[in-house]
Amino acid sequence: MKKVPTHADYPALVEHLQEAVIGVTTGSMFGMPCAKRGGKAWLGAAFGGVVFKLTGQAHTDALALDGAELFDPSGKGKPMKAWVVVPAEQKEHWFDLGQKALAQAD
């Protein structure tokens, strides 16, 4: 994955999730900063947005947001089907999607 700056609001999002949910830690995955719980990553920062691991209706809803797309860390047209990049223009949805992604990761 090519290095792309993390959006300035990403650290505040992770801090907010850490305050709301016990056991959320930070780490790295695919060279990007990510949030983990129980060693499982479910949220990360890439391409100027936030990447969420989602399934079902939450996945469908996230992909329906303007500018959202499947996460392709290699940039070679091989997206990770469960991971959705939600751009900064949709940051008002980040916290809700973060909670949904975490609930699905448990």
PDB file of N, CA and C in Angstrom:
ATOM      1  N   MET A   1       0.849  -1.178   0.000  1.00  0.00           N
ATOM      2  CA  MET A   1       0.000   0.000   0.000  1.00  0.00           C
ATOM      3  C   MET A   1       0.883   1.225   0.000  1.00  0.00           C
ATOM      4  N   LYS A   2       0.630   2.148  -0.903  1.00  0.00           N
ATOM      5  CA  LYS A   2       1.436   3.356  -0.898  1.00  0.00           C
ATOM      6  C   LYS A   2       1.060   4.210   0.304  1.00  0.00           C
ATOM      7  N   LYS A   3       2.031   4.921   0.823  1.00  0.00           N
ATOM      8  CA  LYS A   3       1.802   5.754   1.996  1.00  0.00           C
ATOM      9  C   LYS A   3       0.946   6.954   1.636  1.00  0.00           C
ATOM     10  N   VAL A   4      -0.134   7.119   2.348  1.00  0.00           N
ATOM     11  CA  VAL A   4      -1.033   8.248   2.169  1.00  0.00           C
ATOM     12  C   VAL A   4      -1.252   8.845   3.544  1.00  0.00           C
ATOM     13  N   PRO A   5      -1.200  10.157   3.673  1.00  0.00           N
ATOM     14  CA  PRO A   5      -1.349  10.755   4.998  1.00  0.00           C
ATOM     15  C   PRO A   5      -2.653  10.346   5.681  1.00  0.00           C
ATOM     16  N   THR A   6      -2.563  10.143   6.984  1.00  0.00           N
ATOM     17  CA  THR A   6      -3.733   9.855   7.798  1.00  0.00           C
ATOM     18  C   THR A   6      -4.524  11.142   7.974  1.00  0.00           C
ATOM     19  N   HIS A   7      -5.821  11.042   7.901  1.00  0.00           N
ATOM     20  CA  HIS A   7      -6.651  12.229   8.097  1.00  0.00           C
ATOM     21  C   HIS A   7      -6.469  12.743   9.523  1.00  0.00           C
ATOM     22  N   ALA A   8      -6.445  14.053   9.681  1.00  0.00           N
ATOM     23  CA  ALA A   8      -6.193  14.682  10.983  1.00  0.00           C
ATOM     24  C   ALA A   8      -7.223  14.281  12.042  1.00  0.00           C
ATOM     25  N   ASP A   9      -8.427  13.887  11.651  1.00  0.00           N
ATOM     26  CA  ASP A   9      -9.463  13.511  12.615  1.00  0.00           C
ATOM     27  C   ASP A   9      -9.383  12.051  13.055  1.00  0.00           C
ATOM     28  N   TYR A  10      -8.518  11.254  12.439  1.00  0.00           N
ATOM     29  CA  TYR A  10      -8.429   9.831  12.790  1.00  0.00           C
ATOM     30  C   TYR A  10      -8.026   9.615  14.251  1.00  0.00           C
ATOM     31  N   PRO A  11      -7.003  10.268  14.783  1.00  0.00           N
ATOM     32  CA  PRO A  11      -6.647  10.026  16.190  1.00  0.00           C
ATOM     33  C   PRO A  11      -7.787  10.342  17.157  1.00  0.00           C
ATOM     34  N   ALA A  12      -8.548  11.388  16.895  1.00  0.00           N
ATOM     35  CA  ALA A  12      -9.678  11.734  17.764  1.00  0.00           C
ATOM     36  C   ALA A  12     -10.763  10.657  17.691  1.00  0.00           C
ATOM     37  N   LEU A  13     -10.980  10.093  16.506  1.00  0.00           N
ATOM     38  CA  LEU A  13     -11.950   9.010  16.356  1.00  0.00           C
ATOM     39  C   LEU A  13     -11.545   7.817  17.218  1.00  0.00           C
ATOM     40  N   VAL A  14     -10.289   7.415  17.125  1.00  0.00           N
ATOM     41  CA  VAL A  14      -9.815   6.268  17.903  1.00  0.00           C
ATOM     42  C   VAL A  14      -9.907   6.566  19.396  1.00  0.00           C
ATOM     43  N   GLU A  15      -9.537   7.764  19.802  1.00  0.00           N
ATOM     44  CA  GLU A  15      -9.629   8.140  21.215  1.00  0.00           C
ATOM     45  C   GLU A  15     -11.087   8.068  21.689  1.00  0.00           C
ATOM     46  N   HIS A  16     -12.003   8.561  20.898  1.00  0.00           N
ATOM     47  CA  HIS A  16     -13.427   8.517  21.238  1.00  0.00           C
ATOM     48  C   HIS A  16     -13.893   7.064  21.375  1.00  0.00           C
ATOM     49  N   LEU A  17     -13.484   6.200  20.472  1.00  0.00           N
ATOM     50  CA  LEU A  17     -13.847   4.788  20.559  1.00  0.00           C
ATOM     51  C   LEU A  17     -13.214   4.130  21.785  1.00  0.00           C
ATOM     52  N   GLN A  18     -11.992   4.511  22.129  1.00  0.00           N
ATOM     53  CA  GLN A  18     -11.340   3.959  23.317  1.00  0.00           C
ATOM     54  C   GLN A  18     -12.075   4.377  24.583  1.00  0.00           C
ATOM     55  N   GLU A  19     -12.614   5.586  24.597  1.00  0.00           N
ATOM     56  CA  GLU A  19     -13.387   6.049  25.750  1.00  0.00           C
ATOM     57  C   GLU A  19     -14.720   5.315  25.849  1.00  0.00           C
ATOM     58  N   ALA A  20     -15.295   4.966  24.718  1.00  0.00           N
ATOM     59  CA  ALA A  20     -16.612   4.336  24.686  1.00  0.00           C
ATOM     60  C   ALA A  20     -16.567   2.817  24.888  1.00  0.00           C
ATOM     61  N   VAL A  21     -15.444   2.191  24.542  1.00  0.00           N
ATOM     62  CA  VAL A  21     -15.368   0.728  24.546  1.00  0.00           C
ATOM     63  C   VAL A  21     -14.090   0.277  25.246  1.00  0.00           C
ATOM     64  N   ILE A  22     -14.235  -0.611  26.198  1.00  0.00           N
ATOM     65  CA  ILE A  22     -13.079  -1.142  26.922  1.00  0.00           C
ATOM     66  C   ILE A  22     -12.282  -2.075  26.017  1.00  0.00           C
ATOM     67  N   GLY A  23     -10.971  -1.988  26.100  1.00  0.00           N
ATOM     68  CA  GLY A  23     -10.106  -2.926  25.407  1.00  0.00           C
ATOM     69  C   GLY A  23      -9.687  -2.546  24.008  1.00  0.00           C
ATOM     70  N   VAL A  24     -10.031  -1.342  23.544  1.00  0.00           N
ATOM     71  CA  VAL A  24      -9.601  -0.916  22.215  1.00  0.00           C
ATOM     72  C   VAL A  24      -8.153  -0.432  22.306  1.00  0.00           C
ATOM     73  N   THR A  25      -7.306  -0.997  21.479  1.00  0.00           N
ATOM     74  CA  THR A  25      -5.892  -0.625  21.442  1.00  0.00           C
ATOM     75  C   THR A  25      -5.550  -0.155  20.028  1.00  0.00           C
ATOM     76  N   THR A  26      -4.346   0.357  19.879  1.00  0.00           N
ATOM     77  CA  THR A  26      -3.894   0.787  18.561  1.00  0.00           C
ATOM     78  C   THR A  26      -2.741  -0.093  18.109  1.00  0.00           C
ATOM     79  N   GLY A  27      -2.535  -0.119  16.823  1.00  0.00           N
ATOM     80  CA  GLY A  27      -1.458  -0.921  16.253  1.00  0.00           C
ATOM     81  C   GLY A  27      -1.272  -0.554  14.804  1.00  0.00           C
ATOM     82  N   SER A  28      -0.778  -1.521  14.037  1.00  0.00           N
ATOM     83  CA  SER A  28      -0.522  -1.304  12.628  1.00  0.00           C
ATOM     84  C   SER A  28      -0.943  -2.548  11.846  1.00  0.00           C
ATOM     85  N   MET A  29      -1.476  -2.321  10.643  1.00  0.00           N
ATOM     86  CA  MET A  29      -1.872  -3.409   9.763  1.00  0.00           C
ATOM     87  C   MET A  29      -1.705  -2.909   8.330  1.00  0.00           C
ATOM     88  N   PHE A  30      -1.070  -3.686   7.476  1.00  0.00           N
ATOM     89  CA  PHE A  30      -0.813  -3.290   6.088  1.00  0.00           C
ATOM     90  C   PHE A  30      -0.082  -1.951   6.026  1.00  0.00           C
ATOM     91  N   GLY A  31       0.695  -1.627   7.038  1.00  0.00           N
ATOM     92  CA  GLY A  31       1.434  -0.370   7.074  1.00  0.00           C
ATOM     93  C   GLY A  31       0.596   0.838   7.440  1.00  0.00           C
ATOM     94  N   MET A  32      -0.646   0.610   7.868  1.00  0.00           N
ATOM     95  CA  MET A  32      -1.506   1.728   8.254  1.00  0.00           C
ATOM     96  C   MET A  32      -1.804   1.646   9.746  1.00  0.00           C
ATOM     97  N   PRO A  33      -2.043   2.787  10.384  1.00  0.00           N
ATOM     98  CA  PRO A  33      -2.471   2.741  11.782  1.00  0.00           C
ATOM     99  C   PRO A  33      -3.847   2.077  11.853  1.00  0.00           C
ATOM    100  N   CYS A  34      -4.080   1.304  12.908  1.00  0.00           N
ATOM    101  CA  CYS A  34      -5.369   0.650  13.040  1.00  0.00           C
ATOM    102  C   CYS A  34      -5.783   0.567  14.501  1.00  0.00           C
ATOM    103  N   ALA A  35      -7.047   0.246  14.713  1.00  0.00           N
ATOM    104  CA  ALA A  35      -7.585  -0.014  16.045  1.00  0.00           C
ATOM    105  C   ALA A  35      -7.834  -1.513  16.144  1.00  0.00           C
ATOM    106  N   LYS A  36      -7.561  -2.052  17.320  1.00  0.00           N
ATOM    107  CA  LYS A  36      -7.720  -3.487  17.542  1.00  0.00           C
ATOM    108  C   LYS A  36      -8.441  -3.726  18.858  1.00  0.00           C
ATOM    109  N   ARG A  37      -9.014  -4.897  18.951  1.00  0.00           N
ATOM    110  CA  ARG A  37      -9.560  -5.369  20.219  1.00  0.00           C
ATOM    111  C   ARG A  37      -9.358  -6.871  20.226  1.00  0.00           C
ATOM    112  N   GLY A  38      -8.753  -7.363  21.287  1.00  0.00           N
ATOM    113  CA  GLY A  38      -8.451  -8.786  21.351  1.00  0.00           C
ATOM    114  C   GLY A  38      -7.515  -9.235  20.246  1.00  0.00           C
ATOM    115  N   GLY A  39      -6.656  -8.315  19.786  1.00  0.00           N
ATOM    116  CA  GLY A  39      -5.701  -8.640  18.735  1.00  0.00           C
ATOM    117  C   GLY A  39      -6.260  -8.587  17.325  1.00  0.00           C
ATOM    118  N   LYS A  40      -7.560  -8.327  17.170  1.00  0.00           N
ATOM    119  CA  LYS A  40      -8.189  -8.272  15.849  1.00  0.00           C
ATOM    120  C   LYS A  40      -8.366  -6.821  15.405  1.00  0.00           C
ATOM    121  N   ALA A  41      -7.882  -6.513  14.213  1.00  0.00           N
ATOM    122  CA  ALA A  41      -8.075  -5.180  13.640  1.00  0.00           C
ATOM    123  C   ALA A  41      -9.462  -5.103  13.020  1.00  0.00           C
ATOM    124  N   TRP A  42     -10.108  -3.966  13.182  1.00  0.00           N
ATOM    125  CA  TRP A  42     -11.449  -3.771  12.632  1.00  0.00           C
ATOM    126  C   TRP A  42     -11.641  -2.371  12.059  1.00  0.00           C
ATOM    127  N   LEU A  43     -10.623  -1.532  12.205  1.00  0.00           N
ATOM    128  CA  LEU A  43     -10.698  -0.158  11.741  1.00  0.00           C
ATOM    129  C   LEU A  43      -9.278   0.319  11.491  1.00  0.00           C
ATOM    130  N   GLY A  44      -9.077   1.094  10.440  1.00  0.00           N
ATOM    131  CA  GLY A  44      -7.757   1.643  10.153  1.00  0.00           C
ATOM    132  C   GLY A  44      -7.859   2.949   9.392  1.00  0.00           C
ATOM    133  N   ALA A  45      -6.723   3.590   9.207  1.00  0.00           N
ATOM    134  CA  ALA A  45      -6.663   4.860   8.485  1.00  0.00           C
ATOM    135  C   ALA A  45      -5.849   4.676   7.215  1.00  0.00           C
ATOM    136  N   ALA A  46      -6.454   5.001   6.080  1.00  0.00           N
ATOM    137  CA  ALA A  46      -5.753   4.885   4.800  1.00  0.00           C
ATOM    138  C   ALA A  46      -6.421   5.765   3.763  1.00  0.00           C
ATOM    139  N   PHE A  47      -5.634   6.207   2.804  1.00  0.00           N
ATOM    140  CA  PHE A  47      -6.139   6.972   1.669  1.00  0.00           C
ATOM    141  C   PHE A  47      -6.924   8.207   2.096  1.00  0.00           C
ATOM    142  N   GLY A  48      -6.538   8.807   3.232  1.00  0.00           N
ATOM    143  CA  GLY A  48      -7.190  10.025   3.702  1.00  0.00           C
ATOM    144  C   GLY A  48      -8.545   9.803   4.332  1.00  0.00           C
ATOM    145  N   GLY A  49      -8.942   8.552   4.505  1.00  0.00           N
ATOM    146  CA  GLY A  49     -10.222   8.223   5.124  1.00  0.00           C
ATOM    147  C   GLY A  49     -10.033   7.187   6.204  1.00  0.00           C
ATOM    148  N   VAL A  50     -11.112   6.523   6.560  1.00  0.00           N
ATOM    149  CA  VAL A  50     -11.062   5.453   7.552  1.00  0.00           C
ATOM    150  C   VAL A  50     -11.596   4.184   6.901  1.00  0.00           C
ATOM    151  N   VAL A  51     -10.945   3.074   7.207  1.00  0.00           N
ATOM    152  CA  VAL A  51     -11.273   1.767   6.650  1.00  0.00           C
ATOM    153  C   VAL A  51     -11.958   0.945   7.743  1.00  0.00           C
ATOM    154  N   PHE A  52     -13.107   0.368   7.417  1.00  0.00           N
ATOM    155  CA  PHE A  52     -13.888  -0.410   8.375  1.00  0.00           C
ATOM    156  C   PHE A  52     -14.088  -1.824   7.860  1.00  0.00           C
ATOM    157  N   LYS A  53     -13.958  -2.803   8.750  1.00  0.00           N
ATOM    158  CA  LYS A  53     -14.261  -4.189   8.387  1.00  0.00           C
ATOM    159  C   LYS A  53     -15.722  -4.429   8.760  1.00  0.00           C
ATOM    160  N   LEU A  54     -16.548  -4.624   7.738  1.00  0.00           N
ATOM    161  CA  LEU A  54     -17.992  -4.725   7.934  1.00  0.00           C
ATOM    162  C   LEU A  54     -18.584  -5.885   7.144  1.00  0.00           C
ATOM    163  N   THR A  55     -19.760  -6.332   7.587  1.00  0.00           N
ATOM    164  CA  THR A  55     -20.523  -7.338   6.864  1.00  0.00           C
ATOM    165  C   THR A  55     -21.985  -6.911   6.822  1.00  0.00           C
ATOM    166  N   GLY A  56     -22.771  -7.615   6.049  1.00  0.00           N
ATOM    167  CA  GLY A  56     -24.218  -7.418   6.028  1.00  0.00           C
ATOM    168  C   GLY A  56     -24.661  -6.013   5.662  1.00  0.00           C
ATOM    169  N   GLN A  57     -25.729  -5.571   6.321  1.00  0.00           N
ATOM    170  CA  GLN A  57     -26.318  -4.275   6.013  1.00  0.00           C
ATOM    171  C   GLN A  57     -25.367  -3.130   6.316  1.00  0.00           C
ATOM    172  N   ALA A  58     -24.562  -3.246   7.353  1.00  0.00           N
ATOM    173  CA  ALA A  58     -23.593  -2.189   7.679  1.00  0.00           C
ATOM    174  C   ALA A  58     -22.604  -2.001   6.525  1.00  0.00           C
ATOM    175  N   HIS A  59     -22.169  -3.098   5.920  1.00  0.00           N
ATOM    176  CA  HIS A  59     -21.265  -3.051   4.768  1.00  0.00           C
ATOM    177  C   HIS A  59     -21.949  -2.374   3.585  1.00  0.00           C
ATOM    178  N   THR A  60     -23.176  -2.765   3.310  1.00  0.00           N
ATOM    179  CA  THR A  60     -23.953  -2.184   2.215  1.00  0.00           C
ATOM    180  C   THR A  60     -24.152  -0.689   2.426  1.00  0.00           C
ATOM    181  N   ASP A  61     -24.519  -0.303   3.654  1.00  0.00           N
ATOM    182  CA  ASP A  61     -24.757   1.107   3.971  1.00  0.00           C
ATOM    183  C   ASP A  61     -23.480   1.931   3.825  1.00  0.00           C
ATOM    184  N   ALA A  62     -22.361   1.382   4.275  1.00  0.00           N
ATOM    185  CA  ALA A  62     -21.088   2.108   4.172  1.00  0.00           C
ATOM    186  C   ALA A  62     -20.708   2.321   2.707  1.00  0.00           C
ATOM    187  N   LEU A  63     -20.851   1.292   1.890  1.00  0.00           N
ATOM    188  CA  LEU A  63     -20.511   1.412   0.468  1.00  0.00           C
ATOM    189  C   LEU A  63     -21.434   2.381  -0.276  1.00  0.00           C
ATOM    190  N   ALA A  64     -22.626   2.602   0.260  1.00  0.00           N
ATOM    191  CA  ALA A  64     -23.579   3.515  -0.381  1.00  0.00           C
ATOM    192  C   ALA A  64     -23.234   4.986  -0.135  1.00  0.00           C
ATOM    193  N   LEU A  65     -22.338   5.261   0.808  1.00  0.00           N
ATOM    194  CA  LEU A  65     -21.945   6.646   1.081  1.00  0.00           C
ATOM    195  C   LEU A  65     -21.137   7.198  -0.094  1.00  0.00           C
ATOM    196  N   ASP A  66     -21.358   8.448  -0.437  1.00  0.00           N
ATOM    197  CA  ASP A  66     -20.612   9.074  -1.528  1.00  0.00           C
ATOM    198  C   ASP A  66     -19.112   8.977  -1.287  1.00  0.00           C
ATOM    199  N   GLY A  67     -18.399   8.464  -2.276  1.00  0.00           N
ATOM    200  CA  GLY A  67     -16.951   8.367  -2.204  1.00  0.00           C
ATOM    201  C   GLY A  67     -16.419   7.111  -1.542  1.00  0.00           C
ATOM    202  N   ALA A  68     -17.293   6.318  -0.919  1.00  0.00           N
ATOM    203  CA  ALA A  68     -16.849   5.083  -0.253  1.00  0.00           C
ATOM    204  C   ALA A  68     -16.526   4.029  -1.315  1.00  0.00           C
ATOM    205  N   GLU A  69     -15.555   3.175  -0.993  1.00  0.00           N
ATOM    206  CA  GLU A  69     -15.161   2.113  -1.916  1.00  0.00           C
ATOM    207  C   GLU A  69     -14.520   0.970  -1.150  1.00  0.00           C
ATOM    208  N   LEU A  70     -14.420  -0.172  -1.798  1.00  0.00           N
ATOM    209  CA  LEU A  70     -13.735  -1.306  -1.185  1.00  0.00           C
ATOM    210  C   LEU A  70     -12.257  -0.972  -1.029  1.00  0.00           C
ATOM    211  N   PHE A  71     -11.665  -1.471   0.027  1.00  0.00           N
ATOM    212  CA  PHE A  71     -10.272  -1.219   0.362  1.00  0.00           C
ATOM    213  C   PHE A  71      -9.355  -2.099  -0.481  1.00  0.00           C
ATOM    214  N   ASP A  72      -8.466  -1.464  -1.224  1.00  0.00           N
ATOM    215  CA  ASP A  72      -7.497  -2.162  -2.071  1.00  0.00           C
ATOM    216  C   ASP A  72      -6.099  -1.712  -1.646  1.00  0.00           C
ATOM    217  N   PRO A  73      -5.541  -2.327  -0.599  1.00  0.00           N
ATOM    218  CA  PRO A  73      -4.253  -1.858  -0.077  1.00  0.00           C
ATOM    219  C   PRO A  73      -3.110  -1.962  -1.082  1.00  0.00           C
ATOM    220  N   SER A  74      -3.190  -2.890  -2.018  1.00  0.00           N
ATOM    221  CA  SER A  74      -2.108  -3.052  -2.984  1.00  0.00           C
ATOM    222  C   SER A  74      -2.234  -2.083  -4.153  1.00  0.00           C
ATOM    223  N   GLY A  75      -3.443  -1.575  -4.380  1.00  0.00           N
ATOM    224  CA  GLY A  75      -3.678  -0.705  -5.524  1.00  0.00           C
ATOM    225  C   GLY A  75      -3.650  -1.448  -6.850  1.00  0.00           C
ATOM    226  N   LYS A  76      -3.789  -2.770  -6.791  1.00  0.00           N
ATOM    227  CA  LYS A  76      -3.694  -3.590  -7.999  1.00  0.00           C
ATOM    228  C   LYS A  76      -5.042  -4.182  -8.420  1.00  0.00           C
ATOM    229  N   GLY A  77      -6.134  -3.553  -7.973  1.00  0.00           N
ATOM    230  CA  GLY A  77      -7.451  -4.043  -8.367  1.00  0.00           C
ATOM    231  C   GLY A  77      -7.869  -5.320  -7.672  1.00  0.00           C
ATOM    232  N   LYS A  78      -7.319  -5.568  -6.478  1.00  0.00           N
ATOM    233  CA  LYS A  78      -7.679  -6.756  -5.703  1.00  0.00           C
ATOM    234  C   LYS A  78      -8.180  -6.312  -4.325  1.00  0.00           C
ATOM    235  N   PRO A  79      -9.395  -5.745  -4.285  1.00  0.00           N
ATOM    236  CA  PRO A  79      -9.892  -5.226  -3.008  1.00  0.00           C
ATOM    237  C   PRO A  79     -10.204  -6.326  -2.003  1.00  0.00           C
ATOM    238  N   MET A  80     -10.142  -5.928  -0.752  1.00  0.00           N
ATOM    239  CA  MET A  80     -10.529  -6.805   0.351  1.00  0.00           C
ATOM    240  C   MET A  80     -12.026  -6.582   0.546  1.00  0.00           C
ATOM    241  N   LYS A  81     -12.817  -7.566   0.211  1.00  0.00           N
ATOM    242  CA  LYS A  81     -14.256  -7.388   0.098  1.00  0.00           C
ATOM    243  C   LYS A  81     -14.970  -6.984   1.386  1.00  0.00           C
ATOM    244  N   ALA A  82     -14.450  -7.320   2.540  1.00  0.00           N
ATOM    245  CA  ALA A  82     -15.112  -6.965   3.796  1.00  0.00           C
ATOM    246  C   ALA A  82     -14.733  -5.560   4.285  1.00  0.00           C
ATOM    247  N   TRP A  83     -13.704  -4.965   3.704  1.00  0.00           N
ATOM    248  CA  TRP A  83     -13.190  -3.681   4.181  1.00  0.00           C
ATOM    249  C   TRP A  83     -13.634  -2.542   3.264  1.00  0.00           C
ATOM    250  N   VAL A  84     -14.199  -1.491   3.870  1.00  0.00           N
ATOM    251  CA  VAL A  84     -14.711  -0.345   3.129  1.00  0.00           C
ATOM    252  C   VAL A  84     -13.969   0.917   3.571  1.00  0.00           C
ATOM    253  N   VAL A  85     -13.463   1.683   2.599  1.00  0.00           N
ATOM    254  CA  VAL A  85     -12.841   2.980   2.875  1.00  0.00           C
ATOM    255  C   VAL A  85     -13.941   4.038   2.802  1.00  0.00           C
ATOM    256  N   VAL A  86     -14.104   4.768   3.902  1.00  0.00           N
ATOM    257  CA  VAL A  86     -15.080   5.858   3.950  1.00  0.00           C
ATOM    258  C   VAL A  86     -14.280   7.156   3.998  1.00  0.00           C
ATOM    259  N   PRO A  87     -14.464   8.021   2.994  1.00  0.00           N
ATOM    260  CA  PRO A  87     -13.640   9.232   2.891  1.00  0.00           C
ATOM    261  C   PRO A  87     -13.955  10.270   3.967  1.00  0.00           C
ATOM    262  N   ALA A  88     -13.045  11.211   4.106  1.00  0.00           N
ATOM    263  CA  ALA A  88     -13.194  12.270   5.103  1.00  0.00           C
ATOM    264  C   ALA A  88     -14.462  13.082   4.904  1.00  0.00           C
ATOM    265  N   GLU A  89     -14.934  13.174   3.681  1.00  0.00           N
ATOM    266  CA  GLU A  89     -16.173  13.916   3.421  1.00  0.00           C
ATOM    267  C   GLU A  89     -17.378  13.279   4.122  1.00  0.00           C
ATOM    268  N   GLN A  90     -17.224  12.046   4.559  1.00  0.00           N
ATOM    269  CA  GLN A  90     -18.299  11.326   5.253  1.00  0.00           C
ATOM    270  C   GLN A  90     -17.941  11.072   6.723  1.00  0.00           C
ATOM    271  N   LYS A  91     -17.056  11.884   7.277  1.00  0.00           N
ATOM    272  CA  LYS A  91     -16.545  11.613   8.629  1.00  0.00           C
ATOM    273  C   LYS A  91     -17.612  11.639   9.713  1.00  0.00           C
ATOM    274  N   GLU A  92     -18.767  12.246   9.441  1.00  0.00           N
ATOM    275  CA  GLU A  92     -19.837  12.229  10.437  1.00  0.00           C
ATOM    276  C   GLU A  92     -20.365  10.812  10.675  1.00  0.00           C
ATOM    277  N   HIS A  93     -20.039   9.870   9.779  1.00  0.00           N
ATOM    278  CA  HIS A  93     -20.462   8.465   9.904  1.00  0.00           C
ATOM    279  C   HIS A  93     -19.388   7.584  10.556  1.00  0.00           C
ATOM    280  N   TRP A  94     -18.185   8.099  10.719  1.00  0.00           N
ATOM    281  CA  TRP A  94     -17.073   7.272  11.180  1.00  0.00           C
ATOM    282  C   TRP A  94     -17.324   6.612  12.529  1.00  0.00           C
ATOM    283  N   PHE A  95     -17.791   7.366  13.526  1.00  0.00           N
ATOM    284  CA  PHE A  95     -17.958   6.793  14.859  1.00  0.00           C
ATOM    285  C   PHE A  95     -18.991   5.674  14.834  1.00  0.00           C
ATOM    286  N   ASP A  96     -20.125   5.904  14.194  1.00  0.00           N
ATOM    287  CA  ASP A  96     -21.170   4.889  14.102  1.00  0.00           C
ATOM    288  C   ASP A  96     -20.654   3.645  13.383  1.00  0.00           C
ATOM    289  N   LEU A  97     -19.962   3.842  12.270  1.00  0.00           N
ATOM    290  CA  LEU A  97     -19.405   2.694  11.542  1.00  0.00           C
ATOM    291  C   LEU A  97     -18.340   1.980  12.365  1.00  0.00           C
ATOM    292  N   GLY A  98     -17.561   2.742  13.129  1.00  0.00           N
ATOM    293  CA  GLY A  98     -16.559   2.135  14.003  1.00  0.00           C
ATOM    294  C   GLY A  98     -17.195   1.230  15.040  1.00  0.00           C
ATOM    295  N   GLN A  99     -18.295   1.681  15.619  1.00  0.00           N
ATOM    296  CA  GLN A  99     -19.001   0.857  16.599  1.00  0.00           C
ATOM    297  C   GLN A  99     -19.580  -0.404  15.946  1.00  0.00           C
ATOM    298  N   LYS A 100     -20.121  -0.255  14.751  1.00  0.00           N
ATOM    299  CA  LYS A 100     -20.671  -1.426  14.044  1.00  0.00           C
ATOM    300  C   LYS A 100     -19.570  -2.414  13.682  1.00  0.00           C
ATOM    301  N   ALA A 101     -18.444  -1.899  13.215  1.00  0.00           N
ATOM    302  CA  ALA A 101     -17.323  -2.779  12.861  1.00  0.00           C
ATOM    303  C   ALA A 101     -16.809  -3.519  14.089  1.00  0.00           C
ATOM    304  N   LEU A 102     -16.721  -2.826  15.200  1.00  0.00           N
ATOM    305  CA  LEU A 102     -16.252  -3.464  16.431  1.00  0.00           C
ATOM    306  C   LEU A 102     -17.247  -4.536  16.897  1.00  0.00           C
ATOM    307  N   ALA A 103     -18.525  -4.234  16.842  1.00  0.00           N
ATOM    308  CA  ALA A 103     -19.535  -5.217  17.247  1.00  0.00           C
ATOM    309  C   ALA A 103     -19.457  -6.485  16.392  1.00  0.00           C
ATOM    310  N   GLN A 104     -19.139  -6.321  15.116  1.00  0.00           N
ATOM    311  CA  GLN A 104     -19.023  -7.480  14.236  1.00  0.00           C
ATOM    312  C   GLN A 104     -17.718  -8.240  14.454  1.00  0.00           C
ATOM    313  N   ALA A 105     -16.715  -7.551  14.989  1.00  0.00           N
ATOM    314  CA  ALA A 105     -15.417  -8.201  15.220  1.00  0.00           C
ATOM    315  C   ALA A 105     -15.433  -9.080  16.475  1.00  0.00           C
ATOM    316  N   ASP A 106     -16.316  -8.773  17.396  1.00  0.00           N
ATOM    317  CA  ASP A 106     -16.385  -9.538  18.662  1.00  0.00           C
ATOM    318  C   ASP A 106     -16.928 -10.925  18.459  1.00  0.00           C
TER     319      ASP A 106
END
